[in-house]
Every structure is written in C-alpha cells, then in structure tokens.
Amino acid sequence: MKLNRRNERGEASAAVVLVLSLLLGGGAAAAAVATVVSTQGPGDSSAVQSGPKDVLPPDQILNYGG
C-alpha cells in the first residue's frame, strides 16, 4: 500500500486555488458594493419620481401624541 504525500505540485495547486478564490470573491464583493452605492446614492432618480411633490413640514407627516 502506497501512501501519497502532499508534494510540491499539490501545494502549488492549492495556492493557485486560494489566490483565485480570493480574487474572484473580492471582485464579486466590490461589484456588489458598487451596485448598492450607485442605486442608493443621493443621485437616485427613483426617489425624485416617487417622493412628495412639495416639501412638507415634519409635524404634518409625523403625528406624535395626538
């Protein structure tokens, strides 16, 4: 019975898989952050379309204690 040891080639392939995983994961995270920031930023056009036409005072919107 022959036992296989981790050789240099196995360590190199494990390192390549690790580096690729880090790069792909980091790229996916960066793309997700960029998407959220661009859609939820202050230049968001949907807020302009769906928001109130005129600015209302807070006491007309929030009815505290009454």
C-alpha atoms as a PDB file:
ATOM      1  CA  MET A   1       0.000   0.000   0.000  1.00  0.00           C
ATOM      2  CA  LYS A   2       1.464   3.309  -1.115  1.00  0.00           C
ATOM      3  CA  LEU A   3       0.680   6.444   0.875  1.00  0.00           C
ATOM      4  CA  ASN A   4       0.535   9.682  -1.053  1.00  0.00           C
ATOM      5  CA  ARG A   5       2.208  12.689   0.479  1.00  0.00           C
ATOM      6  CA  ARG A   6       1.444  16.267  -0.309  1.00  0.00           C
ATOM      7  CA  ASN A   7       4.100  17.171  -2.788  1.00  0.00           C
ATOM      8  CA  GLU A   8       5.198  20.494  -4.209  1.00  0.00           C
ATOM      9  CA  ARG A   9       2.701  20.267  -7.053  1.00  0.00           C
ATOM     10  CA  GLY A  10      -0.216  19.785  -4.648  1.00  0.00           C
ATOM     11  CA  GLU A  11       0.850  22.760  -2.574  1.00  0.00           C
ATOM     12  CA  ALA A  12       1.218  24.909  -5.677  1.00  0.00           C
ATOM     13  CA  SER A  13      -2.239  23.968  -6.954  1.00  0.00           C
ATOM     14  CA  ALA A  14      -3.742  24.669  -3.528  1.00  0.00           C
ATOM     15  CA  ALA A  15      -2.084  28.086  -3.551  1.00  0.00           C
ATOM     16  CA  VAL A  16      -3.452  28.816  -7.032  1.00  0.00           C
ATOM     17  CA  VAL A  17      -6.973  27.846  -5.921  1.00  0.00           C
ATOM     18  CA  LEU A  18      -6.621  30.066  -2.841  1.00  0.00           C
ATOM     19  CA  VAL A  19      -5.447  33.081  -4.851  1.00  0.00           C
ATOM     20  CA  LEU A  20      -8.179  32.639  -7.476  1.00  0.00           C
ATOM     21  CA  SER A  21     -10.834  32.303  -4.779  1.00  0.00           C
ATOM     22  CA  LEU A  22      -9.660  35.488  -3.061  1.00  0.00           C
ATOM     23  CA  LEU A  23      -9.586  37.429  -6.333  1.00  0.00           C
ATOM     24  CA  LEU A  24     -12.995  36.240  -7.506  1.00  0.00           C
ATOM     25  CA  GLY A  25     -14.571  36.755  -4.072  1.00  0.00           C
ATOM     26  CA  GLY A  26     -13.082  40.220  -3.753  1.00  0.00           C
ATOM     27  CA  GLY A  27     -14.253  41.131  -7.245  1.00  0.00           C
ATOM     28  CA  ALA A  28     -17.783  39.938  -6.512  1.00  0.00           C
ATOM     29  CA  ALA A  29     -17.853  41.909  -3.256  1.00  0.00           C
ATOM     30  CA  ALA A  30     -16.591  45.049  -4.964  1.00  0.00           C
ATOM     31  CA  ALA A  31     -19.211  44.717  -7.706  1.00  0.00           C
ATOM     32  CA  ALA A  32     -21.953  44.294  -5.105  1.00  0.00           C
ATOM     33  CA  VAL A  33     -20.831  47.364  -3.181  1.00  0.00           C
ATOM     34  CA  ALA A  34     -20.622  49.433  -6.363  1.00  0.00           C
ATOM     35  CA  THR A  35     -24.146  48.383  -7.352  1.00  0.00           C
ATOM     36  CA  VAL A  36     -25.640  49.249  -3.963  1.00  0.00           C
ATOM     37  CA  VAL A  37     -23.855  52.595  -3.783  1.00  0.00           C
ATOM     38  CA  SER A  38     -24.901  53.585  -7.289  1.00  0.00           C
ATOM     39  CA  THR A  39     -28.574  52.673  -6.792  1.00  0.00           C
ATOM     40  CA  GLN A  40     -28.955  54.074  -3.265  1.00  0.00           C
ATOM     41  CA  GLY A  41     -26.838  57.195  -3.649  1.00  0.00           C
ATOM     42  CA  PRO A  42     -28.005  60.804  -3.486  1.00  0.00           C
ATOM     43  CA  GLY A  43     -28.400  60.925  -7.267  1.00  0.00           C
ATOM     44  CA  ASP A  44     -31.039  58.178  -7.158  1.00  0.00           C
ATOM     45  CA  SER A  45     -33.670  59.034  -9.768  1.00  0.00           C
ATOM     46  CA  SER A  46     -36.437  56.845  -8.297  1.00  0.00           C
ATOM     47  CA  ALA A  47     -36.572  58.976  -5.137  1.00  0.00           C
ATOM     48  CA  VAL A  48     -37.288  62.041  -7.240  1.00  0.00           C
ATOM     49  CA  GLN A  49     -40.090  60.309  -9.135  1.00  0.00           C
ATOM     50  CA  SER A  50     -41.812  58.676  -6.180  1.00  0.00           C
ATOM     51  CA  GLY A  51     -41.291  61.304  -3.473  1.00  0.00           C
ATOM     52  CA  PRO A  52     -43.663  64.102  -2.478  1.00  0.00           C
ATOM     53  CA  LYS A  53     -44.068  66.965  -4.937  1.00  0.00           C
ATOM     54  CA  ASP A  54     -43.595  69.643  -2.289  1.00  0.00           C
ATOM     55  CA  VAL A  55     -41.561  69.509   0.895  1.00  0.00           C
ATOM     56  CA  LEU A  56     -43.890  69.107   3.882  1.00  0.00           C
ATOM     57  CA  PRO A  57     -43.154  70.178   7.449  1.00  0.00           C
ATOM     58  CA  PRO A  58     -42.475  67.246   9.775  1.00  0.00           C
ATOM     59  CA  ASP A  59     -45.480  67.967  12.026  1.00  0.00           C
ATOM     60  CA  GLN A  60     -47.829  67.267   9.117  1.00  0.00           C
ATOM     61  CA  ILE A  61     -46.267  63.874   8.463  1.00  0.00           C
ATOM     62  CA  LEU A  62     -45.375  62.727  11.980  1.00  0.00           C
ATOM     63  CA  ASN A  63     -48.252  62.816  14.421  1.00  0.00           C
ATOM     64  CA  TYR A  64     -46.700  62.484  17.872  1.00  0.00           C
ATOM     65  CA  GLY A  65     -49.036  62.195  20.831  1.00  0.00           C
ATOM     66  CA  GLY A  66     -52.221  63.076  19.133  1.00  0.00           C
END
